[in-house]
Amino acid sequence: KTISNVPVNGPTGISKSVFFDLQNPASDAVLLNDGNVTTLIRKQGFR
């Protein structure tokens, strides 16, 4: 199992703005993932 989409304990925020939309292929998160960068999101906790 990868580290993706698992709640992280402890954080209260993210240091940079990362646009995330589960259904939007043009979001920052998808762009980063496509470039082999694992990013941070806030959805039902931080992940």
All heavy atoms as atom14 arrays in JSON, in Angstrom:
{
  "sequence": "KTISNVPVNGPTGISKSVFFDLQNPASDAVLLNDGNVTTLIRKQGFR",
  "atom14_mask": [
    [1, 1, 1, 1, 1, 1, 1, 1, 1, 0, 0, 0, 0, 0],
    [1, 1, 1, 1, 1, 1, 1, 0, 0, 0, 0, 0, 0, 0],
    [1, 1, 1, 1, 1, 1, 1, 1, 0, 0, 0, 0, 0, 0],
    [1, 1, 1, 1, 1, 1, 0, 0, 0, 0, 0, 0, 0, 0],
    [1, 1, 1, 1, 1, 1, 1, 1, 0, 0, 0, 0, 0, 0],
    [1, 1, 1, 1, 1, 1, 1, 0, 0, 0, 0, 0, 0, 0],
    [1, 1, 1, 1, 1, 1, 1, 0, 0, 0, 0, 0, 0, 0],
    [1, 1, 1, 1, 1, 1, 1, 0, 0, 0, 0, 0, 0, 0],
    [1, 1, 1, 1, 1, 1, 1, 1, 0, 0, 0, 0, 0, 0],
    [1, 1, 1, 1, 0, 0, 0, 0, 0, 0, 0, 0, 0, 0],
    [1, 1, 1, 1, 1, 1, 1, 0, 0, 0, 0, 0, 0, 0],
    [1, 1, 1, 1, 1, 1, 1, 0, 0, 0, 0, 0, 0, 0],
    [1, 1, 1, 1, 0, 0, 0, 0, 0, 0, 0, 0, 0, 0],
    [1, 1, 1, 1, 1, 1, 1, 1, 0, 0, 0, 0, 0, 0],
    [1, 1, 1, 1, 1, 1, 0, 0, 0, 0, 0, 0, 0, 0],
    [1, 1, 1, 1, 1, 1, 1, 1, 1, 0, 0, 0, 0, 0],
    [1, 1, 1, 1, 1, 1, 0, 0, 0, 0, 0, 0, 0, 0],
    [1, 1, 1, 1, 1, 1, 1, 0, 0, 0, 0, 0, 0, 0],
    [1, 1, 1, 1, 1, 1, 1, 1, 1, 1, 1, 0, 0, 0],
    [1, 1, 1, 1, 1, 1, 1, 1, 1, 1, 1, 0, 0, 0],
    [1, 1, 1, 1, 1, 1, 1, 1, 0, 0, 0, 0, 0, 0],
    [1, 1, 1, 1, 1, 1, 1, 1, 0, 0, 0, 0, 0, 0],
    [1, 1, 1, 1, 1, 1, 1, 1, 1, 0, 0, 0, 0, 0],
    [1, 1, 1, 1, 1, 1, 1, 1, 0, 0, 0, 0, 0, 0],
    [1, 1, 1, 1, 1, 1, 1, 0, 0, 0, 0, 0, 0, 0],
    [1, 1, 1, 1, 1, 0, 0, 0, 0, 0, 0, 0, 0, 0],
    [1, 1, 1, 1, 1, 1, 0, 0, 0, 0, 0, 0, 0, 0],
    [1, 1, 1, 1, 1, 1, 1, 1, 0, 0, 0, 0, 0, 0],
    [1, 1, 1, 1, 1, 0, 0, 0, 0, 0, 0, 0, 0, 0],
    [1, 1, 1, 1, 1, 1, 1, 0, 0, 0, 0, 0, 0, 0],
    [1, 1, 1, 1, 1, 1, 1, 1, 0, 0, 0, 0, 0, 0],
    [1, 1, 1, 1, 1, 1, 1, 1, 0, 0, 0, 0, 0, 0],
    [1, 1, 1, 1, 1, 1, 1, 1, 0, 0, 0, 0, 0, 0],
    [1, 1, 1, 1, 1, 1, 1, 1, 0, 0, 0, 0, 0, 0],
    [1, 1, 1, 1, 0, 0, 0, 0, 0, 0, 0, 0, 0, 0],
    [1, 1, 1, 1, 1, 1, 1, 1, 0, 0, 0, 0, 0, 0],
    [1, 1, 1, 1, 1, 1, 1, 0, 0, 0, 0, 0, 0, 0],
    [1, 1, 1, 1, 1, 1, 1, 0, 0, 0, 0, 0, 0, 0],
    [1, 1, 1, 1, 1, 1, 1, 0, 0, 0, 0, 0, 0, 0],
    [1, 1, 1, 1, 1, 1, 1, 1, 0, 0, 0, 0, 0, 0],
    [1, 1, 1, 1, 1, 1, 1, 1, 0, 0, 0, 0, 0, 0],
    [1, 1, 1, 1, 1, 1, 1, 1, 1, 1, 1, 0, 0, 0],
    [1, 1, 1, 1, 1, 1, 1, 1, 1, 0, 0, 0, 0, 0],
    [1, 1, 1, 1, 1, 1, 1, 1, 1, 0, 0, 0, 0, 0],
    [1, 1, 1, 1, 0, 0, 0, 0, 0, 0, 0, 0, 0, 0],
    [1, 1, 1, 1, 1, 1, 1, 1, 1, 1, 1, 0, 0, 0],
    [1, 1, 1, 1, 1, 1, 1, 1, 1, 1, 1, 0, 0, 0]
  ],
  "atom14_positions": [
    [[0.86, -1.19, 0.0], [0.0, 0.0, 0.0], [0.89, 1.24, 0.0], [1.82, 1.35, 0.78], [-0.89, 0.0, 1.25], [-1.6, 1.32, 1.54], [-2.69, 1.61, 0.5], [-3.38, 2.94, 0.82], [-2.61, 4.11, 0.33], [0.0, 0.0, 0.0], [0.0, 0.0, 0.0], [0.0, 0.0, 0.0], [0.0, 0.0, 0.0], [0.0, 0.0, 0.0]],
    [[0.59, 2.18, -0.9], [1.37, 3.42, -0.96], [0.97, 4.35, 0.17], [-0.03, 4.14, 0.87], [1.15, 4.13, -2.3], [-0.2, 4.63, -2.37], [1.4, 3.19, -3.48], [0.0, 0.0, 0.0], [0.0, 0.0, 0.0], [0.0, 0.0, 0.0], [0.0, 0.0, 0.0], [0.0, 0.0, 0.0], [0.0, 0.0, 0.0], [0.0, 0.0, 0.0]],
    [[1.73, 5.44, 0.34], [1.43, 6.4, 1.41], [0.29, 7.35, 1.02], [-0.17, 8.12, 1.85], [2.67, 7.23, 1.79], [3.16, 8.08, 0.6], [3.79, 6.34, 2.3], [4.25, 9.07, 0.96], [0.0, 0.0, 0.0], [0.0, 0.0, 0.0], [0.0, 0.0, 0.0], [0.0, 0.0, 0.0], [0.0, 0.0, 0.0], [0.0, 0.0, 0.0]],
    [[-0.17, 7.27, -0.21], [-1.19, 8.2, -0.69], [-2.56, 7.94, -0.07], [-2.95, 6.79, 0.14], [-1.3, 8.1, -2.22], [-2.2, 9.07, -2.73], [0.0, 0.0, 0.0], [0.0, 0.0, 0.0], [0.0, 0.0, 0.0], [0.0, 0.0, 0.0], [0.0, 0.0, 0.0], [0.0, 0.0, 0.0], [0.0, 0.0, 0.0], [0.0, 0.0, 0.0]],
    [[-3.27, 9.04, 0.2], [-4.67, 9.0, 0.65], [-4.85, 8.24, 1.96], [-5.78, 7.45, 2.11], [-5.57, 8.4, -0.44], [-7.05, 8.72, -0.22], [-7.4, 9.64, 0.52], [-7.93, 7.96, -0.86], [0.0, 0.0, 0.0], [0.0, 0.0, 0.0], [0.0, 0.0, 0.0], [0.0, 0.0, 0.0], [0.0, 0.0, 0.0], [0.0, 0.0, 0.0]],
    [[-3.97, 8.51, 2.89], [-4.07, 7.97, 4.25], [-3.98, 9.16, 5.21], [-3.07, 9.99, 5.07], [-2.94, 6.96, 4.56], [-3.02, 6.48, 6.0], [-3.0, 5.79, 3.58], [0.0, 0.0, 0.0], [0.0, 0.0, 0.0], [0.0, 0.0, 0.0], [0.0, 0.0, 0.0], [0.0, 0.0, 0.0], [0.0, 0.0, 0.0], [0.0, 0.0, 0.0]],
    [[-4.89, 9.3, 6.16], [-4.86, 10.45, 7.07], [-3.54, 10.54, 7.83], [-3.0, 9.53, 8.28], [-6.03, 10.18, 8.02], [-6.94, 9.28, 7.27], [-6.06, 8.42, 6.41], [0.0, 0.0, 0.0], [0.0, 0.0, 0.0], [0.0, 0.0, 0.0], [0.0, 0.0, 0.0], [0.0, 0.0, 0.0], [0.0, 0.0, 0.0], [0.0, 0.0, 0.0]],
    [[-3.03, 11.77, 7.95], [-1.78, 12.04, 8.66], [-2.11, 12.69, 9.99], [-2.87, 13.67, 10.04], [-0.86, 12.96, 7.82], [0.44, 13.24, 8.57], [-0.58, 12.34, 6.46], [0.0, 0.0, 0.0], [0.0, 0.0, 0.0], [0.0, 0.0, 0.0], [0.0, 0.0, 0.0], [0.0, 0.0, 0.0], [0.0, 0.0, 0.0], [0.0, 0.0, 0.0]],
    [[-1.54, 12.19, 11.04], [-1.78, 12.75, 12.37], [-0.86, 13.94, 12.63], [0.33, 13.87, 12.32], [-1.52, 11.7, 13.46], [-2.4, 10.48, 13.31], [-3.55, 10.58, 12.92], [-1.86, 9.31, 13.62], [0.0, 0.0, 0.0], [0.0, 0.0, 0.0], [0.0, 0.0, 0.0], [0.0, 0.0, 0.0], [0.0, 0.0, 0.0], [0.0, 0.0, 0.0]],
    [[-1.4, 15.0, 13.2], [-0.55, 16.09, 13.68], [-0.62, 17.42, 12.97], [-0.71, 18.46, 13.62], [0.0, 0.0, 0.0], [0.0, 0.0, 0.0], [0.0, 0.0, 0.0], [0.0, 0.0, 0.0], [0.0, 0.0, 0.0], [0.0, 0.0, 0.0], [0.0, 0.0, 0.0], [0.0, 0.0, 0.0], [0.0, 0.0, 0.0], [0.0, 0.0, 0.0]],
    [[-0.55, 17.48, 11.62], [-0.51, 18.77, 10.95], [-1.78, 19.59, 11.16], [-2.87, 19.03, 11.35], [-0.34, 18.41, 9.47], [0.17, 17.02, 9.46], [-0.42, 16.37, 10.66], [0.0, 0.0, 0.0], [0.0, 0.0, 0.0], [0.0, 0.0, 0.0], [0.0, 0.0, 0.0], [0.0, 0.0, 0.0], [0.0, 0.0, 0.0], [0.0, 0.0, 0.0]],
    [[-1.62, 20.91, 11.08], [-2.77, 21.81, 11.13], [-2.92, 22.63, 9.85], [-3.88, 23.37, 9.71], [-2.63, 22.79, 12.32], [-1.41, 23.53, 12.19], [-2.61, 22.02, 13.64], [0.0, 0.0, 0.0], [0.0, 0.0, 0.0], [0.0, 0.0, 0.0], [0.0, 0.0, 0.0], [0.0, 0.0, 0.0], [0.0, 0.0, 0.0], [0.0, 0.0, 0.0]],
    [[-1.97, 22.48, 8.93], [-2.05, 23.22, 7.69], [-0.99, 22.78, 6.7], [-0.18, 21.88, 6.97], [0.0, 0.0, 0.0], [0.0, 0.0, 0.0], [0.0, 0.0, 0.0], [0.0, 0.0, 0.0], [0.0, 0.0, 0.0], [0.0, 0.0, 0.0], [0.0, 0.0, 0.0], [0.0, 0.0, 0.0], [0.0, 0.0, 0.0], [0.0, 0.0, 0.0]],
    [[-0.99, 23.42, 5.52], [-0.04, 23.15, 4.44], [0.7, 24.44, 4.14], [0.09, 25.52, 4.06], [-0.76, 22.61, 3.2], [-1.48, 21.29, 3.54], [0.21, 22.38, 2.05], [-2.36, 20.75, 2.42], [0.0, 0.0, 0.0], [0.0, 0.0, 0.0], [0.0, 0.0, 0.0], [0.0, 0.0, 0.0], [0.0, 0.0, 0.0], [0.0, 0.0, 0.0]],
    [[2.01, 24.35, 3.95], [2.84, 25.56, 3.85], [2.64, 26.34, 2.56], [2.91, 27.54, 2.52], [4.32, 25.18, 4.0], [4.73, 24.33, 2.93], [0.0, 0.0, 0.0], [0.0, 0.0, 0.0], [0.0, 0.0, 0.0], [0.0, 0.0, 0.0], [0.0, 0.0, 0.0], [0.0, 0.0, 0.0], [0.0, 0.0, 0.0], [0.0, 0.0, 0.0]],
    [[2.22, 25.69, 1.48], [1.99, 26.36, 0.2], [0.59, 26.01, -0.3], [0.03, 24.97, 0.05], [3.02, 25.92, -0.84], [4.47, 26.18, -0.46], [4.8, 27.64, -0.42], [6.29, 27.83, -0.1], [6.65, 29.26, 0.02], [0.0, 0.0, 0.0], [0.0, 0.0, 0.0], [0.0, 0.0, 0.0], [0.0, 0.0, 0.0], [0.0, 0.0, 0.0]],
    [[0.07, 26.87, -1.14], [-1.25, 26.63, -1.71], [-1.17, 25.57, -2.81], [-0.39, 25.7, -3.76], [-1.82, 27.93, -2.29], [-3.05, 27.7, -2.94], [0.0, 0.0, 0.0], [0.0, 0.0, 0.0], [0.0, 0.0, 0.0], [0.0, 0.0, 0.0], [0.0, 0.0, 0.0], [0.0, 0.0, 0.0], [0.0, 0.0, 0.0], [0.0, 0.0, 0.0]],
    [[-1.97, 24.52, -2.64], [-2.05, 23.44, -3.64], [-3.53, 23.22, -3.95], [-4.29, 22.75, -3.1], [-1.42, 22.13, -3.13], [-1.59, 21.02, -4.17], [0.05, 22.33, -2.79], [0.0, 0.0, 0.0], [0.0, 0.0, 0.0], [0.0, 0.0, 0.0], [0.0, 0.0, 0.0], [0.0, 0.0, 0.0], [0.0, 0.0, 0.0], [0.0, 0.0, 0.0]],
    [[-3.93, 23.57, -5.18], [-5.32, 23.39, -5.57], [-5.6, 21.92, -5.81], [-4.91, 21.26, -6.58], [-5.62, 24.2, -6.83], [-6.96, 23.89, -7.45], [-8.13, 23.99, -6.71], [-7.05, 23.48, -8.77], [-9.36, 23.68, -7.26], [-8.27, 23.18, -9.35], [-9.43, 23.29, -8.58], [0.0, 0.0, 0.0], [0.0, 0.0, 0.0], [0.0, 0.0, 0.0]],
    [[-6.63, 21.41, -5.12], [-7.01, 20.01, -5.26], [-8.5, 19.9, -5.48], [-9.31, 20.51, -4.76], [-6.62, 19.21, -4.01], [-7.22, 17.83, -3.97], [-6.73, 16.82, -4.78], [-8.29, 17.55, -3.13], [-7.29, 15.54, -4.75], [-8.86, 16.28, -3.1], [-8.35, 15.28, -3.91], [0.0, 0.0, 0.0], [0.0, 0.0, 0.0], [0.0, 0.0, 0.0]],
    [[-8.87, 19.14, -6.49], [-10.28, 18.8, -6.75], [-10.29, 17.37, -7.25], [-9.65, 17.04, -8.26], [-10.86, 19.76, -7.8], [-12.36, 19.55, -8.01], [-12.83, 18.39, -7.84], [-13.06, 20.51, -8.33], [0.0, 0.0, 0.0], [0.0, 0.0, 0.0], [0.0, 0.0, 0.0], [0.0, 0.0, 0.0], [0.0, 0.0, 0.0], [0.0, 0.0, 0.0]],
    [[-11.0, 16.52, -6.54], [-10.99, 15.09, -6.84], [-11.4, 14.8, -8.28], [-10.95, 13.82, -8.88], [-11.93, 14.36, -5.87], [-11.94, 12.83, -5.93], [-10.57, 12.27, -5.57], [-13.01, 12.26, -5.0], [0.0, 0.0, 0.0], [0.0, 0.0, 0.0], [0.0, 0.0, 0.0], [0.0, 0.0, 0.0], [0.0, 0.0, 0.0], [0.0, 0.0, 0.0]],
    [[-12.25, 15.67, -8.87], [-12.77, 15.41, -10.2], [-12.17, 16.3, -11.28], [-12.59, 16.24, -12.43], [-14.3, 15.59, -10.2], [-15.02, 14.66, -9.24], [-16.52, 14.82, -9.3], [-17.13, 14.68, -10.36], [-17.14, 15.12, -8.16], [0.0, 0.0, 0.0], [0.0, 0.0, 0.0], [0.0, 0.0, 0.0], [0.0, 0.0, 0.0], [0.0, 0.0, 0.0]],
    [[-11.19, 17.11, -10.93], [-10.63, 18.06, -11.89], [-9.23, 17.62, -12.31], [-8.28, 17.72, -11.53], [-10.59, 19.46, -11.27], [-10.21, 20.52, -12.29], [-9.75, 20.22, -13.4], [-10.41, 21.78, -11.93], [0.0, 0.0, 0.0], [0.0, 0.0, 0.0], [0.0, 0.0, 0.0], [0.0, 0.0, 0.0], [0.0, 0.0, 0.0], [0.0, 0.0, 0.0]],
    [[-9.06, 17.16, -13.56], [-7.73, 16.72, -14.01], [-6.75, 17.87, -14.22], [-5.57, 17.62, -14.46], [-8.04, 16.01, -15.34], [-9.31, 16.62, -15.82], [-10.1, 16.95, -14.58], [0.0, 0.0, 0.0], [0.0, 0.0, 0.0], [0.0, 0.0, 0.0], [0.0, 0.0, 0.0], [0.0, 0.0, 0.0], [0.0, 0.0, 0.0], [0.0, 0.0, 0.0]],
    [[-7.24, 19.12, -14.12], [-6.35, 20.27, -14.31], [-5.91, 20.88, -12.98], [-5.39, 21.99, -12.95], [-7.06, 21.34, -15.15], [0.0, 0.0, 0.0], [0.0, 0.0, 0.0], [0.0, 0.0, 0.0], [0.0, 0.0, 0.0], [0.0, 0.0, 0.0], [0.0, 0.0, 0.0], [0.0, 0.0, 0.0], [0.0, 0.0, 0.0], [0.0, 0.0, 0.0]],
    [[-6.12, 20.19, -11.87], [-5.75, 20.73, -10.56], [-4.24, 20.66, -10.35], [-3.52, 19.92, -11.04], [-6.46, 19.96, -9.45], [-5.98, 18.62, -9.4], [0.0, 0.0, 0.0], [0.0, 0.0, 0.0], [0.0, 0.0, 0.0], [0.0, 0.0, 0.0], [0.0, 0.0, 0.0], [0.0, 0.0, 0.0], [0.0, 0.0, 0.0], [0.0, 0.0, 0.0]],
    [[-3.77, 21.45, -9.39], [-2.34, 21.43, -9.05], [-1.89, 20.04, -8.61], [-0.8, 19.58, -8.98], [-2.04, 22.43, -7.91], [-2.17, 23.88, -8.34], [-2.17, 24.14, -9.55], [-2.28, 24.74, -7.44], [0.0, 0.0, 0.0], [0.0, 0.0, 0.0], [0.0, 0.0, 0.0], [0.0, 0.0, 0.0], [0.0, 0.0, 0.0], [0.0, 0.0, 0.0]],
    [[-2.73, 19.38, -7.83], [-2.37, 18.06, -7.31], [-2.14, 17.06, -8.43], [-1.17, 16.28, -8.4], [-3.46, 17.57, -6.36], [0.0, 0.0, 0.0], [0.0, 0.0, 0.0], [0.0, 0.0, 0.0], [0.0, 0.0, 0.0], [0.0, 0.0, 0.0], [0.0, 0.0, 0.0], [0.0, 0.0, 0.0], [0.0, 0.0, 0.0], [0.0, 0.0, 0.0]],
    [[-3.02, 17.06, -9.42], [-2.86, 16.13, -10.55], [-1.62, 16.48, -11.36], [-0.88, 15.59, -11.79], [-4.12, 16.15, -11.44], [-3.89, 15.35, -12.72], [-5.33, 15.6, -10.69], [0.0, 0.0, 0.0], [0.0, 0.0, 0.0], [0.0, 0.0, 0.0], [0.0, 0.0, 0.0], [0.0, 0.0, 0.0], [0.0, 0.0, 0.0], [0.0, 0.0, 0.0]],
    [[-1.39, 17.76, -11.56], [-0.21, 18.2, -12.3], [1.07, 17.75, -11.59], [2.0, 17.25, -12.23], [-0.23, 19.71, -12.46], [0.9, 20.34, -13.29], [0.85, 19.84, -14.73], [0.81, 21.86, -13.26], [0.0, 0.0, 0.0], [0.0, 0.0, 0.0], [0.0, 0.0, 0.0], [0.0, 0.0, 0.0], [0.0, 0.0, 0.0], [0.0, 0.0, 0.0]],
    [[1.11, 17.91, -10.29], [2.28, 17.48, -9.52], [2.46, 15.97, -9.59], [3.57, 15.48, -9.79], [2.13, 17.94, -8.07], [2.33, 19.44, -7.82], [1.76, 19.84, -6.46], [3.81, 19.82, -7.91], [0.0, 0.0, 0.0], [0.0, 0.0, 0.0], [0.0, 0.0, 0.0], [0.0, 0.0, 0.0], [0.0, 0.0, 0.0], [0.0, 0.0, 0.0]],
    [[1.38, 15.23, -9.42], [1.45, 13.77, -9.49], [1.94, 13.3, -10.85], [2.73, 12.34, -10.95], [0.1, 13.14, -9.19], [-0.34, 13.27, -7.75], [-1.47, 12.95, -7.4], [0.54, 13.75, -6.88], [0.0, 0.0, 0.0], [0.0, 0.0, 0.0], [0.0, 0.0, 0.0], [0.0, 0.0, 0.0], [0.0, 0.0, 0.0], [0.0, 0.0, 0.0]],
    [[1.48, 13.95, -11.9], [1.9, 13.6, -13.25], [3.4, 13.84, -13.44], [4.04, 13.17, -14.25], [1.1, 14.4, -14.28], [1.37, 13.93, -15.7], [1.39, 12.72, -15.95], [1.57, 14.81, -16.58], [0.0, 0.0, 0.0], [0.0, 0.0, 0.0], [0.0, 0.0, 0.0], [0.0, 0.0, 0.0], [0.0, 0.0, 0.0], [0.0, 0.0, 0.0]],
    [[3.95, 14.77, -12.67], [5.38, 15.05, -12.73], [6.17, 14.33, -11.65], [7.29, 14.74, -11.32], [0.0, 0.0, 0.0], [0.0, 0.0, 0.0], [0.0, 0.0, 0.0], [0.0, 0.0, 0.0], [0.0, 0.0, 0.0], [0.0, 0.0, 0.0], [0.0, 0.0, 0.0], [0.0, 0.0, 0.0], [0.0, 0.0, 0.0], [0.0, 0.0, 0.0]],
    [[5.59, 13.27, -11.09], [6.24, 12.42, -10.09], [6.53, 13.15, -8.78], [7.53, 12.87, -8.1], [7.55, 11.83, -10.64], [7.33, 10.95, -11.84], [6.28, 10.33, -11.98], [8.3, 10.91, -12.75], [0.0, 0.0, 0.0], [0.0, 0.0, 0.0], [0.0, 0.0, 0.0], [0.0, 0.0, 0.0], [0.0, 0.0, 0.0], [0.0, 0.0, 0.0]],
    [[5.65, 14.07, -8.42], [5.75, 14.75, -7.13], [4.53, 14.37, -6.29], [3.39, 14.53, -6.73], [5.79, 16.29, -7.29], [5.83, 16.96, -5.92], [6.99, 16.7, -8.12], [0.0, 0.0, 0.0], [0.0, 0.0, 0.0], [0.0, 0.0, 0.0], [0.0, 0.0, 0.0], [0.0, 0.0, 0.0], [0.0, 0.0, 0.0], [0.0, 0.0, 0.0]],
    [[4.78, 13.85, -5.11], [3.7, 13.57, -4.16], [3.41, 14.85, -3.4], [4.32, 15.46, -2.83], [4.11, 12.46, -3.18], [4.33, 11.25, -3.92], [3.03, 12.22, -2.14], [0.0, 0.0, 0.0], [0.0, 0.0, 0.0], [0.0, 0.0, 0.0], [0.0, 0.0, 0.0], [0.0, 0.0, 0.0], [0.0, 0.0, 0.0], [0.0, 0.0, 0.0]],
    [[2.16, 15.27, -3.39], [1.81, 16.52, -2.76], [0.96, 16.29, -1.52], [0.75, 15.14, -1.09], [1.09, 17.45, -3.76], [1.0, 18.77, -3.2], [-0.29, 16.93, -4.11], [0.0, 0.0, 0.0], [0.0, 0.0, 0.0], [0.0, 0.0, 0.0], [0.0, 0.0, 0.0], [0.0, 0.0, 0.0], [0.0, 0.0, 0.0], [0.0, 0.0, 0.0]],
    [[0.5, 17.39, -0.92], [-0.29, 17.34, 0.3], [-1.67, 17.93, 0.03], [-1.78, 18.93, -0.68], [0.39, 18.13, 1.42], [1.9, 17.97, 1.57], [2.42, 18.88, 2.67], [2.27, 16.52, 1.84], [0.0, 0.0, 0.0], [0.0, 0.0, 0.0], [0.0, 0.0, 0.0], [0.0, 0.0, 0.0], [0.0, 0.0, 0.0], [0.0, 0.0, 0.0]],
    [[-2.69, 17.32, 0.58], [-4.04, 17.83, 0.41], [-4.76, 17.84, 1.75], [-4.34, 17.18, 2.71], [-4.86, 16.98, -0.6], [-5.07, 15.55, -0.05], [-4.18, 16.95, -1.96], [-6.1, 14.74, -0.83], [0.0, 0.0, 0.0], [0.0, 0.0, 0.0], [0.0, 0.0, 0.0], [0.0, 0.0, 0.0], [0.0, 0.0, 0.0], [0.0, 0.0, 0.0]],
    [[-5.84, 18.62, 1.79], [-6.71, 18.6, 2.96], [-8.1, 18.16, 2.51], [-8.83, 18.9, 1.88], [-6.77, 19.99, 3.6], [-7.65, 20.01, 4.85], [-7.59, 21.34, 5.56], [-8.34, 21.3, 6.82], [-8.34, 22.28, 7.71], [-7.62, 23.38, 7.5], [-9.05, 22.16, 8.82], [0.0, 0.0, 0.0], [0.0, 0.0, 0.0], [0.0, 0.0, 0.0]],
    [[-8.42, 16.93, 2.8], [-9.74, 16.38, 2.51], [-10.0, 15.27, 3.52], [-9.31, 14.25, 3.51], [-9.84, 15.83, 1.08], [-11.26, 15.38, 0.69], [-11.31, 14.95, -0.77], [-12.69, 14.45, -1.15], [-13.72, 15.52, -1.1], [0.0, 0.0, 0.0], [0.0, 0.0, 0.0], [0.0, 0.0, 0.0], [0.0, 0.0, 0.0], [0.0, 0.0, 0.0]],
    [[-10.95, 15.51, 4.4], [-11.18, 14.6, 5.52], [-9.88, 14.38, 6.29], [-9.45, 13.25, 6.54], [-11.76, 13.27, 5.02], [-13.1, 13.41, 4.31], [-13.62, 12.1, 3.75], [-13.2, 11.02, 4.16], [-14.55, 12.18, 2.82], [0.0, 0.0, 0.0], [0.0, 0.0, 0.0], [0.0, 0.0, 0.0], [0.0, 0.0, 0.0], [0.0, 0.0, 0.0]],
    [[-9.27, 15.48, 6.65], [-7.97, 15.45, 7.31], [-6.87, 15.76, 6.31], [-7.12, 15.97, 5.12], [0.0, 0.0, 0.0], [0.0, 0.0, 0.0], [0.0, 0.0, 0.0], [0.0, 0.0, 0.0], [0.0, 0.0, 0.0], [0.0, 0.0, 0.0], [0.0, 0.0, 0.0], [0.0, 0.0, 0.0], [0.0, 0.0, 0.0], [0.0, 0.0, 0.0]],
    [[-5.65, 15.78, 6.77], [-4.51, 16.03, 5.9], [-3.95, 14.71, 5.4], [-3.83, 13.73, 6.16], [-3.44, 16.83, 6.64], [-3.85, 18.22, 6.97], [-4.39, 18.53, 8.21], [-3.74, 19.23, 6.03], [-4.8, 19.81, 8.52], [-4.15, 20.52, 6.33], [-4.68, 20.81, 7.57], [0.0, 0.0, 0.0], [0.0, 0.0, 0.0], [0.0, 0.0, 0.0]],
    [[-3.58, 14.69, 4.12], [-3.13, 13.45, 3.48], [-2.02, 13.72, 2.47], [-1.96, 14.82, 1.9], [-4.28, 12.76, 2.74], [-5.47, 12.39, 3.63], [-6.71, 12.08, 2.8], [-7.86, 11.84, 3.68], [-8.34, 10.64, 4.01], [-7.79, 9.56, 3.49], [-9.36, 10.51, 4.83], [0.0, 0.0, 0.0], [0.0, 0.0, 0.0], [0.0, 0.0, 0.0]]
  ]
}
